[in-house]
PDB file of N, CA and C in Angstrom:
ATOM      1  N   UNK A   1       5.288  -7.620  19.330  1.00  0.00           N
ATOM      2  CA  UNK A   1       4.981  -6.645  19.725  1.00  0.00           C
ATOM      3  C   UNK A   1       3.611  -6.204  19.701  1.00  0.00           C
ATOM      4  N   UNK A   2       3.205  -5.874  20.777  1.00  0.00           N
ATOM      5  CA  UNK A   2       1.711  -5.634  21.035  1.00  0.00           C
ATOM      6  C   UNK A   2       1.072  -4.804  20.173  1.00  0.00           C
ATOM      7  N   UNK A   3      -0.021  -4.527  19.650  1.00  0.00           N
ATOM      8  CA  UNK A   3      -0.714  -3.223  19.247  1.00  0.00           C
ATOM      9  C   UNK A   3      -0.574  -1.817  19.905  1.00  0.00           C
ATOM     10  N   UNK A   4      -0.329  -1.607  20.933  1.00  0.00           N
ATOM     11  CA  UNK A   4      -0.353  -0.611  22.041  1.00  0.00           C
ATOM     12  C   UNK A   4       0.922   0.071  22.037  1.00  0.00           C
ATOM     13  N   UNK A   5       1.898  -0.493  21.496  1.00  0.00           N
ATOM     14  CA  UNK A   5       3.419   0.041  21.414  1.00  0.00           C
ATOM     15  C   UNK A   5       3.884   0.605  20.200  1.00  0.00           C
ATOM     16  N   UNK A   6       4.796   1.390  20.645  1.00  0.00           N
ATOM     17  CA  UNK A   6       5.745   1.997  19.738  1.00  0.00           C
ATOM     18  C   UNK A   6       4.933   3.013  18.772  1.00  0.00           C
ATOM     19  N   UNK A   7       5.316   2.554  17.260  1.00  0.00           N
ATOM     20  CA  UNK A   7       4.742   3.695  16.238  1.00  0.00           C
ATOM     21  C   UNK A   7       3.032   3.528  16.188  1.00  0.00           C
ATOM     22  N   UNK A   8       2.865   2.071  16.894  1.00  0.00           N
ATOM     23  CA  UNK A   8       1.396   1.544  16.250  1.00  0.00           C
ATOM     24  C   UNK A   8       0.614   2.340  17.469  1.00  0.00           C
ATOM     25  N   UNK A   9       0.982   2.916  18.409  1.00  0.00           N
ATOM     26  CA  UNK A   9       0.556   4.015  19.275  1.00  0.00           C
ATOM     27  C   UNK A   9      -0.658   5.260  18.857  1.00  0.00           C
ATOM     28  N   UNK A  10      -1.088   4.879  17.346  1.00  0.00           N
ATOM     29  CA  UNK A  10      -2.105   6.080  17.333  1.00  0.00           C
ATOM     30  C   UNK A  10      -3.600   6.074  17.595  1.00  0.00           C
ATOM     31  N   UNK A  11      -3.797   7.173  17.872  1.00  0.00           N
ATOM     32  CA  UNK A  11      -5.589   7.136  18.165  1.00  0.00           C
ATOM     33  C   UNK A  11      -6.261   6.587  17.618  1.00  0.00           C
ATOM     34  N   UNK A  12      -6.205   6.895  16.026  1.00  0.00           N
ATOM     35  CA  UNK A  12      -7.201   6.131  15.043  1.00  0.00           C
ATOM     36  C   UNK A  12      -6.937   4.888  14.128  1.00  0.00           C
ATOM     37  N   UNK A  13      -5.898   4.221  14.684  1.00  0.00           N
ATOM     38  CA  UNK A  13      -5.200   2.946  14.198  1.00  0.00           C
ATOM     39  C   UNK A  13      -5.999   1.772  14.390  1.00  0.00           C
ATOM     40  N   UNK A  14      -6.685   1.168  13.543  1.00  0.00           N
ATOM     41  CA  UNK A  14      -7.527   0.231  13.371  1.00  0.00           C
ATOM     42  C   UNK A  14      -6.633  -0.885  12.846  1.00  0.00           C
ATOM     43  N   UNK A  15      -6.043  -1.911  13.850  1.00  0.00           N
ATOM     44  CA  UNK A  15      -5.371  -3.024  13.221  1.00  0.00           C
ATOM     45  C   UNK A  15      -6.361  -4.193  12.570  1.00  0.00           C
ATOM     46  N   UNK A  16      -6.178  -4.789  11.033  1.00  0.00           N
ATOM     47  CA  UNK A  16      -6.649  -5.435  10.559  1.00  0.00           C
ATOM     48  C   UNK A  16      -5.988  -6.942  10.134  1.00  0.00           C
ATOM     49  N   UNK A  17      -6.730  -7.914  10.884  1.00  0.00           N
ATOM     50  CA  UNK A  17      -6.229  -9.376  11.242  1.00  0.00           C
ATOM     51  C   UNK A  17      -6.563 -10.260  10.684  1.00  0.00           C
ATOM     52  N   UNK A  18      -7.770 -10.009   9.759  1.00  0.00           N
ATOM     53  CA  UNK A  18      -8.615 -11.358   9.157  1.00  0.00           C
ATOM     54  C   UNK A  18      -8.849 -10.770   8.013  1.00  0.00           C
ATOM     55  N   UNK A  19      -9.403 -11.492   6.942  1.00  0.00           N
ATOM     56  CA  UNK A  19      -9.925 -10.799   5.737  1.00  0.00           C
ATOM     57  C   UNK A  19     -10.902 -10.150   5.732  1.00  0.00           C
ATOM     58  N   UNK A  20     -11.855 -10.154   6.550  1.00  0.00           N
ATOM     59  CA  UNK A  20     -13.137  -9.840   6.619  1.00  0.00           C
ATOM     60  C   UNK A  20     -12.604  -8.272   6.865  1.00  0.00           C
ATOM     61  N   UNK A  21     -12.043  -8.152   8.095  1.00  0.00           N
ATOM     62  CA  UNK A  21     -11.503  -6.772   8.352  1.00  0.00           C
ATOM     63  C   UNK A  21     -11.099  -5.807   7.474  1.00  0.00           C
ATOM     64  N   UNK A  22     -10.246  -6.721   6.582  1.00  0.00           N
ATOM     65  CA  UNK A  22      -9.325  -5.901   5.734  1.00  0.00           C
ATOM     66  C   UNK A  22     -10.143  -5.340   4.592  1.00  0.00           C
ATOM     67  N   UNK A  23     -11.398  -6.235   4.564  1.00  0.00           N
ATOM     68  CA  UNK A  23     -12.303  -5.923   3.205  1.00  0.00           C
ATOM     69  C   UNK A  23     -13.171  -4.407   3.948  1.00  0.00           C
ATOM     70  N   UNK A  24     -13.509  -4.383   4.908  1.00  0.00           N
ATOM     71  CA  UNK A  24     -14.106  -3.070   5.642  1.00  0.00           C
ATOM     72  C   UNK A  24     -13.561  -1.935   5.287  1.00  0.00           C
ATOM     73  N   UNK A  25     -12.094  -2.126   5.167  1.00  0.00           N
ATOM     74  CA  UNK A  25     -11.238  -0.728   5.259  1.00  0.00           C
ATOM     75  C   UNK A  25     -11.600  -0.090   3.792  1.00  0.00           C
ATOM     76  N   UNK A  26     -11.973  -0.734   3.060  1.00  0.00           N
ATOM     77  CA  UNK A  26     -12.100  -0.654   1.260  1.00  0.00           C
ATOM     78  C   UNK A  26     -13.290   0.634   1.435  1.00  0.00           C
ATOM     79  N   UNK A  27     -13.986   0.341   2.349  1.00  0.00           N
ATOM     80  CA  UNK A  27     -15.775   1.016   2.430  1.00  0.00           C
ATOM     81  C   UNK A  27     -15.277   2.275   3.235  1.00  0.00           C
ATOM     82  N   UNK A  28     -13.976   2.735   3.674  1.00  0.00           N
ATOM     83  CA  UNK A  28     -13.784   4.157   4.442  1.00  0.00           C
ATOM     84  C   UNK A  28     -13.793   4.816   3.397  1.00  0.00           C
ATOM     85  N   UNK A  29     -14.140   6.464   3.671  1.00  0.00           N
ATOM     86  CA  UNK A  29     -14.087   7.477   2.934  1.00  0.00           C
ATOM     87  C   UNK A  29     -13.104   8.255   3.274  1.00  0.00           C
ATOM     88  N   UNK A  30     -12.262   7.747   4.257  1.00  0.00           N
ATOM     89  CA  UNK A  30     -10.979   8.807   4.783  1.00  0.00           C
ATOM     90  C   UNK A  30     -10.031   7.938   5.343  1.00  0.00           C
ATOM     91  N   UNK A  31      -8.760   8.132   5.556  1.00  0.00           N
ATOM     92  CA  UNK A  31      -7.780   7.282   6.520  1.00  0.00           C
ATOM     93  C   UNK A  31      -6.557   6.794   5.884  1.00  0.00           C
ATOM     94  N   UNK A  32      -6.084   6.222   6.240  1.00  0.00           N
ATOM     95  CA  UNK A  32      -4.855   5.462   5.399  1.00  0.00           C
ATOM     96  C   UNK A  32      -4.593   4.348   5.590  1.00  0.00           C
ATOM     97  N   UNK A  33      -4.142   3.451   4.577  1.00  0.00           N
ATOM     98  CA  UNK A  33      -3.817   2.085   5.037  1.00  0.00           C
ATOM     99  C   UNK A  33      -2.501   1.842   4.874  1.00  0.00           C
ATOM    100  N   UNK A  34      -2.048   1.089   5.925  1.00  0.00           N
ATOM    101  CA  UNK A  34      -0.568   0.550   5.970  1.00  0.00           C
ATOM    102  C   UNK A  34      -0.711  -0.591   5.775  1.00  0.00           C
ATOM    103  N   UNK A  35       0.122  -1.155   4.690  1.00  0.00           N
ATOM    104  CA  UNK A  35       0.333  -2.679   4.514  1.00  0.00           C
ATOM    105  C   UNK A  35       1.467  -3.108   4.191  1.00  0.00           C
ATOM    106  N   UNK A  36       1.915  -4.375   4.573  1.00  0.00           N
ATOM    107  CA  UNK A  36       3.116  -4.853   4.499  1.00  0.00           C
ATOM    108  C   UNK A  36       2.961  -6.257   3.073  1.00  0.00           C
ATOM    109  N   UNK A  37       3.798  -5.521   2.058  1.00  0.00           N
ATOM    110  CA  UNK A  37       3.574  -6.330   1.250  1.00  0.00           C
ATOM    111  C   UNK A  37       4.406  -6.555  -0.066  1.00  0.00           C
ATOM    112  N   UNK A  38       5.939  -6.482   0.589  1.00  0.00           N
ATOM    113  CA  UNK A  38       6.943  -6.811  -0.133  1.00  0.00           C
ATOM    114  C   UNK A  38       7.156  -5.704  -1.295  1.00  0.00           C
ATOM    115  N   UNK A  39       6.891  -6.645  -2.574  1.00  0.00           N
ATOM    116  CA  UNK A  39       6.668  -5.604  -3.891  1.00  0.00           C
ATOM    117  C   UNK A  39       5.593  -5.160  -4.331  1.00  0.00           C
ATOM    118  N   UNK A  40       4.549  -5.353  -3.391  1.00  0.00           N
ATOM    119  CA  UNK A  40       3.098  -5.101  -3.842  1.00  0.00           C
ATOM    120  C   UNK A  40       2.756  -5.705  -5.191  1.00  0.00           C
ATOM    121  N   UNK A  41       3.051  -7.164  -4.783  1.00  0.00           N
ATOM    122  CA  UNK A  41       2.529  -7.894  -5.986  1.00  0.00           C
ATOM    123  C   UNK A  41       1.562  -9.004  -5.744  1.00  0.00           C
ATOM    124  N   UNK A  42       1.091  -9.142  -4.423  1.00  0.00           N
ATOM    125  CA  UNK A  42       0.064 -10.293  -3.810  1.00  0.00           C
ATOM    126  C   UNK A  42      -0.730  -9.606  -2.608  1.00  0.00           C
ATOM    127  N   UNK A  43      -1.693 -10.413  -2.206  1.00  0.00           N
ATOM    128  CA  UNK A  43      -2.115 -10.230  -0.902  1.00  0.00           C
ATOM    129  C   UNK A  43      -3.230  -9.019  -0.908  1.00  0.00           C
ATOM    130  N   UNK A  44      -3.512  -8.730   0.216  1.00  0.00           N
ATOM    131  CA  UNK A  44      -4.738  -7.501   0.326  1.00  0.00           C
ATOM    132  C   UNK A  44      -4.071  -6.656  -0.200  1.00  0.00           C
ATOM    133  N   UNK A  45      -2.757  -5.925   0.087  1.00  0.00           N
ATOM    134  CA  UNK A  45      -2.556  -4.850  -0.824  1.00  0.00           C
ATOM    135  C   UNK A  45      -3.239  -4.381  -2.054  1.00  0.00           C
ATOM    136  N   UNK A  46      -3.252  -5.459  -3.097  1.00  0.00           N
ATOM    137  CA  UNK A  46      -3.780  -5.490  -4.310  1.00  0.00           C
ATOM    138  C   UNK A  46      -5.153  -4.978  -4.632  1.00  0.00           C
ATOM    139  N   UNK A  47      -6.027  -5.771  -3.312  1.00  0.00           N
ATOM    140  CA  UNK A  47      -7.196  -5.494  -3.279  1.00  0.00           C
ATOM    141  C   UNK A  47      -7.565  -3.766  -2.741  1.00  0.00           C
ATOM    142  N   UNK A  48      -6.367  -3.501  -1.819  1.00  0.00           N
ATOM    143  CA  UNK A  48      -6.886  -1.623  -1.685  1.00  0.00           C
ATOM    144  C   UNK A  48      -6.232  -1.045  -2.571  1.00  0.00           C
ATOM    145  N   UNK A  49      -5.693  -1.248  -3.404  1.00  0.00           N
ATOM    146  CA  UNK A  49      -5.234  -0.503  -4.364  1.00  0.00           C
ATOM    147  C   UNK A  49      -6.303  -0.408  -5.748  1.00  0.00           C
ATOM    148  N   UNK A  50      -7.166  -1.428  -5.531  1.00  0.00           N
ATOM    149  CA  UNK A  50      -8.059  -1.390  -6.768  1.00  0.00           C
ATOM    150  C   UNK A  50      -9.344  -0.643  -6.282  1.00  0.00           C
ATOM    151  N   UNK A  51      -9.444  -0.453  -4.805  1.00  0.00           N
ATOM    152  CA  UNK A  51     -10.388   0.529  -4.397  1.00  0.00           C
ATOM    153  C   UNK A  51      -9.876   1.803  -3.907  1.00  0.00           C
ATOM    154  N   UNK A  52      -8.533   1.971  -4.094  1.00  0.00           N
ATOM    155  CA  UNK A  52      -7.999   3.376  -3.613  1.00  0.00           C
ATOM    156  C   UNK A  52      -6.838   4.196  -4.742  1.00  0.00           C
ATOM    157  N   UNK A  53      -6.385   3.381  -5.371  1.00  0.00           N
ATOM    158  CA  UNK A  53      -5.318   3.845  -6.031  1.00  0.00           C
ATOM    159  C   UNK A  53      -5.717   5.224  -7.293  1.00  0.00           C
ATOM    160  N   UNK A  54      -6.803   5.069  -7.709  1.00  0.00           N
ATOM    161  CA  UNK A  54      -7.435   5.877  -8.647  1.00  0.00           C
ATOM    162  C   UNK A  54      -8.034   7.055  -8.093  1.00  0.00           C
ATOM    163  N   UNK A  55      -7.762   7.309  -6.477  1.00  0.00           N
ATOM    164  CA  UNK A  55      -8.235   8.325  -5.819  1.00  0.00           C
ATOM    165  C   UNK A  55      -7.144   9.574  -5.608  1.00  0.00           C
ATOM    166  N   UNK A  56      -7.384  10.792  -6.512  1.00  0.00           N
ATOM    167  CA  UNK A  56      -6.612  11.931  -6.088  1.00  0.00           C
ATOM    168  C   UNK A  56      -6.145  11.687  -4.907  1.00  0.00           C
ATOM    169  N   UNK A  57      -6.910  11.901  -3.682  1.00  0.00           N
ATOM    170  CA  UNK A  57      -6.376  12.236  -2.170  1.00  0.00           C
ATOM    171  C   UNK A  57      -6.086  10.820  -1.702  1.00  0.00           C
ATOM    172  N   UNK A  58      -5.875   9.743  -2.448  1.00  0.00           N
ATOM    173  CA  UNK A  58      -5.210   8.516  -1.700  1.00  0.00           C
ATOM    174  C   UNK A  58      -3.414   8.841  -1.786  1.00  0.00           C
ATOM    175  N   UNK A  59      -2.760   8.143  -0.786  1.00  0.00           N
ATOM    176  CA  UNK A  59      -1.150   8.236  -1.004  1.00  0.00           C
ATOM    177  C   UNK A  59      -0.732   6.809  -0.711  1.00  0.00           C
ATOM    178  N   UNK A  60       0.043   6.357  -1.492  1.00  0.00           N
ATOM    179  CA  UNK A  60       0.536   5.149  -1.226  1.00  0.00           C
ATOM    180  C   UNK A  60       2.315   5.394  -0.876  1.00  0.00           C
ATOM    181  N   UNK A  61       2.603   4.838   0.459  1.00  0.00           N
ATOM    182  CA  UNK A  61       4.043   4.710   0.853  1.00  0.00           C
ATOM    183  C   UNK A  61       4.492   3.732   0.787  1.00  0.00           C
ATOM    184  N   UNK A  62       5.352   3.589  -0.271  1.00  0.00           N
ATOM    185  CA  UNK A  62       6.435   2.241  -0.373  1.00  0.00           C
ATOM    186  C   UNK A  62       7.571   2.409   0.516  1.00  0.00           C
ATOM    187  N   UNK A  63       7.796   1.331   1.415  1.00  0.00           N
ATOM    188  CA  UNK A  63       9.196   1.705   2.478  1.00  0.00           C
ATOM    189  C   UNK A  63       9.853   0.593   2.403  1.00  0.00           C
ATOM    190  N   UNK A  64      10.666   0.407   1.083  1.00  0.00           N
ATOM    191  CA  UNK A  64      11.828  -0.571   0.768  1.00  0.00           C
ATOM    192  C   UNK A  64      11.927  -0.831  -0.603  1.00  0.00           C
ATOM    193  N   UNK A  65      12.972  -1.535  -0.914  1.00  0.00           N
ATOM    194  CA  UNK A  65      13.654  -2.122  -2.010  1.00  0.00           C
ATOM    195  C   UNK A  65      12.263  -2.230  -3.163  1.00  0.00           C
ATOM    196  N   UNK A  66      12.261  -2.182  -4.509  1.00  0.00           N
ATOM    197  CA  UNK A  66      11.165  -2.434  -5.212  1.00  0.00           C
ATOM    198  C   UNK A  66      12.003  -3.545  -6.438  1.00  0.00           C
ATOM    199  N   UNK A  67      11.904  -4.814  -6.716  1.00  0.00           N
ATOM    200  CA  UNK A  67      12.409  -5.422  -7.725  1.00  0.00           C
ATOM    201  C   UNK A  67      12.100  -4.699  -8.939  1.00  0.00           C
ATOM    202  N   UNK A  68      12.774  -4.704 -10.286  1.00  0.00           N
ATOM    203  CA  UNK A  68      12.429  -4.392 -11.703  1.00  0.00           C
ATOM    204  C   UNK A  68      11.201  -5.615 -12.170  1.00  0.00           C
ATOM    205  N   UNK A  69      10.062  -5.192 -12.446  1.00  0.00           N
ATOM    206  CA  UNK A  69       9.136  -6.101 -13.269  1.00  0.00           C
ATOM    207  C   UNK A  69       8.034  -5.972 -11.799  1.00  0.00           C
ATOM    208  N   UNK A  70       8.070  -5.307 -11.045  1.00  0.00           N
ATOM    209  CA  UNK A  70       7.175  -5.719  -9.520  1.00  0.00           C
ATOM    210  C   UNK A  70       5.951  -4.249  -9.690  1.00  0.00           C
ATOM    211  N   UNK A  71       5.120  -4.594  -9.205  1.00  0.00           N
ATOM    212  CA  UNK A  71       3.928  -3.680  -9.470  1.00  0.00           C
ATOM    213  C   UNK A  71       4.746  -2.230  -8.610  1.00  0.00           C
ATOM    214  N   UNK A  72       5.363  -2.917  -7.296  1.00  0.00           N
ATOM    215  CA  UNK A  72       5.770  -1.450  -6.683  1.00  0.00           C
ATOM    216  C   UNK A  72       6.780  -0.547  -7.324  1.00  0.00           C
ATOM    217  N   UNK A  73       7.447  -1.472  -8.185  1.00  0.00           N
ATOM    218  CA  UNK A  73       8.912  -0.328  -8.986  1.00  0.00           C
ATOM    219  C   UNK A  73       8.034   0.094  -9.926  1.00  0.00           C
ATOM    220  N   UNK A  74       6.667  -0.583 -10.730  1.00  0.00           N
ATOM    221  CA  UNK A  74       6.139   0.626 -11.446  1.00  0.00           C
ATOM    222  C   UNK A  74       5.426   1.718 -11.119  1.00  0.00           C
ATOM    223  N   UNK A  75       4.814   1.586  -9.557  1.00  0.00           N
ATOM    224  CA  UNK A  75       4.407   2.860  -9.081  1.00  0.00           C
ATOM    225  C   UNK A  75       5.586   4.077  -8.819  1.00  0.00           C
ATOM    226  N   UNK A  76       6.696   3.477  -8.643  1.00  0.00           N
ATOM    227  CA  UNK A  76       7.910   3.991  -8.090  1.00  0.00           C
ATOM    228  C   UNK A  76       8.114   5.083  -9.467  1.00  0.00           C
ATOM    229  N   UNK A  77       8.066   4.185 -10.591  1.00  0.00           N
ATOM    230  CA  UNK A  77       8.443   4.960 -11.682  1.00  0.00           C
ATOM    231  C   UNK A  77       7.587   5.668 -12.033  1.00  0.00           C
ATOM    232  N   UNK A  78       6.301   5.947 -11.698  1.00  0.00           N
ATOM    233  CA  UNK A  78       5.390   7.013 -12.364  1.00  0.00           C
ATOM    234  C   UNK A  78       4.261   6.531 -13.206  1.00  0.00           C
ATOM    235  N   UNK A  79       4.101   5.315 -13.266  1.00  0.00           N
ATOM    236  CA  UNK A  79       3.299   4.099 -13.964  1.00  0.00           C
ATOM    237  C   UNK A  79       1.900   4.933 -14.208  1.00  0.00           C
ATOM    238  N   UNK A  80       1.041   5.172 -15.007  1.00  0.00           N
ATOM    239  CA  UNK A  80      -0.393   5.784 -15.119  1.00  0.00           C
ATOM    240  C   UNK A  80      -1.597   4.836 -15.072  1.00  0.00           C
ATOM    241  N   UNK A  81      -1.121   3.761 -15.295  1.00  0.00           N
ATOM    242  CA  UNK A  81      -2.248   2.504 -14.912  1.00  0.00           C
ATOM    243  C   UNK A  81      -1.609   1.249 -13.915  1.00  0.00           C
ATOM    244  N   UNK A  82      -2.410   0.380 -13.898  1.00  0.00           N
ATOM    245  CA  UNK A  82      -1.737  -0.316 -13.352  1.00  0.00           C
ATOM    246  C   UNK A  82      -2.917  -1.729 -13.908  1.00  0.00           C
ATOM    247  N   UNK A  83      -2.308  -2.733 -13.917  1.00  0.00           N
ATOM    248  CA  UNK A  83      -3.152  -4.150 -14.193  1.00  0.00           C
ATOM    249  C   UNK A  83      -3.715  -4.547 -13.150  1.00  0.00           C
ATOM    250  N   UNK A  84      -5.205  -5.094 -12.724  1.00  0.00           N
ATOM    251  CA  UNK A  84      -5.220  -5.670 -11.647  1.00  0.00           C
ATOM    252  C   UNK A  84      -6.432  -6.691 -11.720  1.00  0.00           C
ATOM    253  N   UNK A  85      -5.972  -7.636 -11.700  1.00  0.00           N
ATOM    254  CA  UNK A  85      -6.730  -9.048 -12.256  1.00  0.00           C
ATOM    255  C   UNK A  85      -7.546  -8.615 -13.819  1.00  0.00           C
ATOM    256  N   UNK A  86      -6.560  -8.319 -14.236  1.00  0.00           N
ATOM    257  CA  UNK A  86      -7.106  -8.158 -16.142  1.00  0.00           C
ATOM    258  C   UNK A  86      -7.814  -7.302 -16.145  1.00  0.00           C
ATOM    259  N   UNK A  87      -7.946  -5.996 -15.195  1.00  0.00           N
ATOM    260  CA  UNK A  87      -8.997  -4.580 -15.235  1.00  0.00           C
ATOM    261  C   UNK A  87      -7.708  -3.386 -15.271  1.00  0.00           C
ATOM    262  N   UNK A  88      -7.738  -2.780 -16.316  1.00  0.00           N
ATOM    263  CA  UNK A  88      -6.940  -1.385 -16.111  1.00  0.00           C
ATOM    264  C   UNK A  88      -7.175  -0.212 -15.285  1.00  0.00           C
ATOM    265  N   UNK A  89      -6.249   0.157 -14.233  1.00  0.00           N
ATOM    266  CA  UNK A  89      -6.896   1.147 -13.323  1.00  0.00           C
ATOM    267  C   UNK A  89      -5.976   2.240 -13.355  1.00  0.00           C
ATOM    268  N   UNK A  90      -6.846   3.334 -13.433  1.00  0.00           N
ATOM    269  CA  UNK A  90      -5.743   4.447 -13.773  1.00  0.00           C
ATOM    270  C   UNK A  90      -5.194   5.015 -12.334  1.00  0.00           C
ATOM    271  N   UNK A  91      -3.908   5.479 -12.245  1.00  0.00           N
ATOM    272  CA  UNK A  91      -3.101   5.580 -11.015  1.00  0.00           C
ATOM    273  C   UNK A  91      -3.524   7.213 -11.048  1.00  0.00           C
ATOM    274  N   UNK A  92      -4.091   7.464  -9.748  1.00  0.00           N
ATOM    275  CA  UNK A  92      -4.403   9.329  -9.553  1.00  0.00           C
ATOM    276  C   UNK A  92      -3.761   9.061  -8.077  1.00  0.00           C
ATOM    277  N   UNK A  93      -3.376   8.314  -7.594  1.00  0.00           N
ATOM    278  CA  UNK A  93      -2.976   8.562  -5.996  1.00  0.00           C
ATOM    279  C   UNK A  93      -1.684   8.733  -6.048  1.00  0.00           C
ATOM    280  N   UNK A  94      -1.220   9.643  -4.736  1.00  0.00           N
ATOM    281  CA  UNK A  94       0.008  10.003  -4.698  1.00  0.00           C
ATOM    282  C   UNK A  94       1.350   9.248  -4.423  1.00  0.00           C
ATOM    283  N   UNK A  95       1.995   8.656  -5.087  1.00  0.00           N
ATOM    284  CA  UNK A  95       3.080   7.628  -4.572  1.00  0.00           C
ATOM    285  C   UNK A  95       4.338   8.267  -3.798  1.00  0.00           C
ATOM    286  N   UNK A  96       4.614   7.556  -2.871  1.00  0.00           N
ATOM    287  CA  UNK A  96       5.778   8.098  -2.213  1.00  0.00           C
ATOM    288  C   UNK A  96       6.511   6.946  -1.768  1.00  0.00           C
ATOM    289  N   UNK A  97       8.018   6.989  -1.805  1.00  0.00           N
ATOM    290  CA  UNK A  97       9.028   5.895  -1.668  1.00  0.00           C
ATOM    291  C   UNK A  97       9.912   6.818  -0.510  1.00  0.00           C
ATOM    292  N   UNK A  98       9.808   5.629   0.318  1.00  0.00           N
ATOM    293  CA  UNK A  98      10.759   5.865   1.378  1.00  0.00           C
ATOM    294  C   UNK A  98      11.922   4.820   1.565  1.00  0.00           C
ATOM    295  N   UNK A  99      12.892   4.960   0.284  1.00  0.00           N
ATOM    296  CA  UNK A  99      13.597   3.867   0.310  1.00  0.00           C
ATOM    297  C   UNK A  99      14.620   3.387   1.529  1.00  0.00           C
ATOM    298  N   UNK A 100      14.869   4.387   2.290  1.00  0.00           N
ATOM    299  CA  UNK A 100      15.523   4.373   3.671  1.00  0.00           C
ATOM    300  C   UNK A 100      15.129   3.416   4.308  1.00  0.00           C
ATOM    301  N   UNK A 101      13.999   2.937   4.412  1.00  0.00           N
ATOM    302  CA  UNK A 101      13.271   2.092   5.339  1.00  0.00           C
ATOM    303  C   UNK A 101      13.606   0.669   4.487  1.00  0.00           C
ATOM    304  N   UNK A 102      14.514   0.503   3.315  1.00  0.00           N
ATOM    305  CA  UNK A 102      14.451  -0.801   3.448  1.00  0.00           C
ATOM    306  C   UNK A 102      15.233  -1.777   4.141  1.00  0.00           C
ATOM    307  N   UNK A 103      15.007  -3.292   3.833  1.00  0.00           N
ATOM    308  CA  UNK A 103      16.001  -3.863   4.600  1.00  0.00           C
ATOM    309  C   UNK A 103      17.173  -4.687   4.241  1.00  0.00           C
ATOM    310  N   UNK A 104      17.276  -4.116   2.889  1.00  0.00           N
ATOM    311  CA  UNK A 104      18.244  -4.943   1.918  1.00  0.00           C
ATOM    312  C   UNK A 104      19.680  -4.070   2.854  1.00  0.00           C
ATOM    313  N   UNK A 105      20.770  -4.881   2.549  1.00  0.00           N
ATOM    314  CA  UNK A 105      22.104  -4.643   2.961  1.00  0.00           C
ATOM    315  C   UNK A 105      22.419  -2.782   2.609  1.00  0.00           C
ATOM    316  N   UNK A 106      22.092  -2.854   1.164  1.00  0.00           N
ATOM    317  CA  UNK A 106      22.781  -1.415   0.612  1.00  0.00           C
ATOM    318  C   UNK A 106      22.059  -0.362   0.907  1.00  0.00           C
ATOM    319  N   UNK A 107      21.009  -0.157   1.822  1.00  0.00           N
ATOM    320  CA  UNK A 107      20.062   0.778   2.342  1.00  0.00           C
ATOM    321  C   UNK A 107      20.601   1.075   3.628  1.00  0.00           C
TER     322      UNK A 107
END
């Protein structure tokens, strides 16, 4: 899919395909982050959480099944803190679960 097709045709959407461009996102003071990371257990999403999950005006939209014991499941269940690289970070972001977007057969 090309970046200018379908749901990605948004006026202020900037695609991040490199680590450096992803790191720049964490310096933004407004906007949204859309990231695919399965159960929220690894990759860039954890870095975005470290920089944003403590913000009251941040929103985390989880669009799929989250297995027990994963960071994604803990967020859906309303955890108050997350552990990111040994640092305890308070969760202030609004967590939204769109389970209907799951790729699992039961959805």
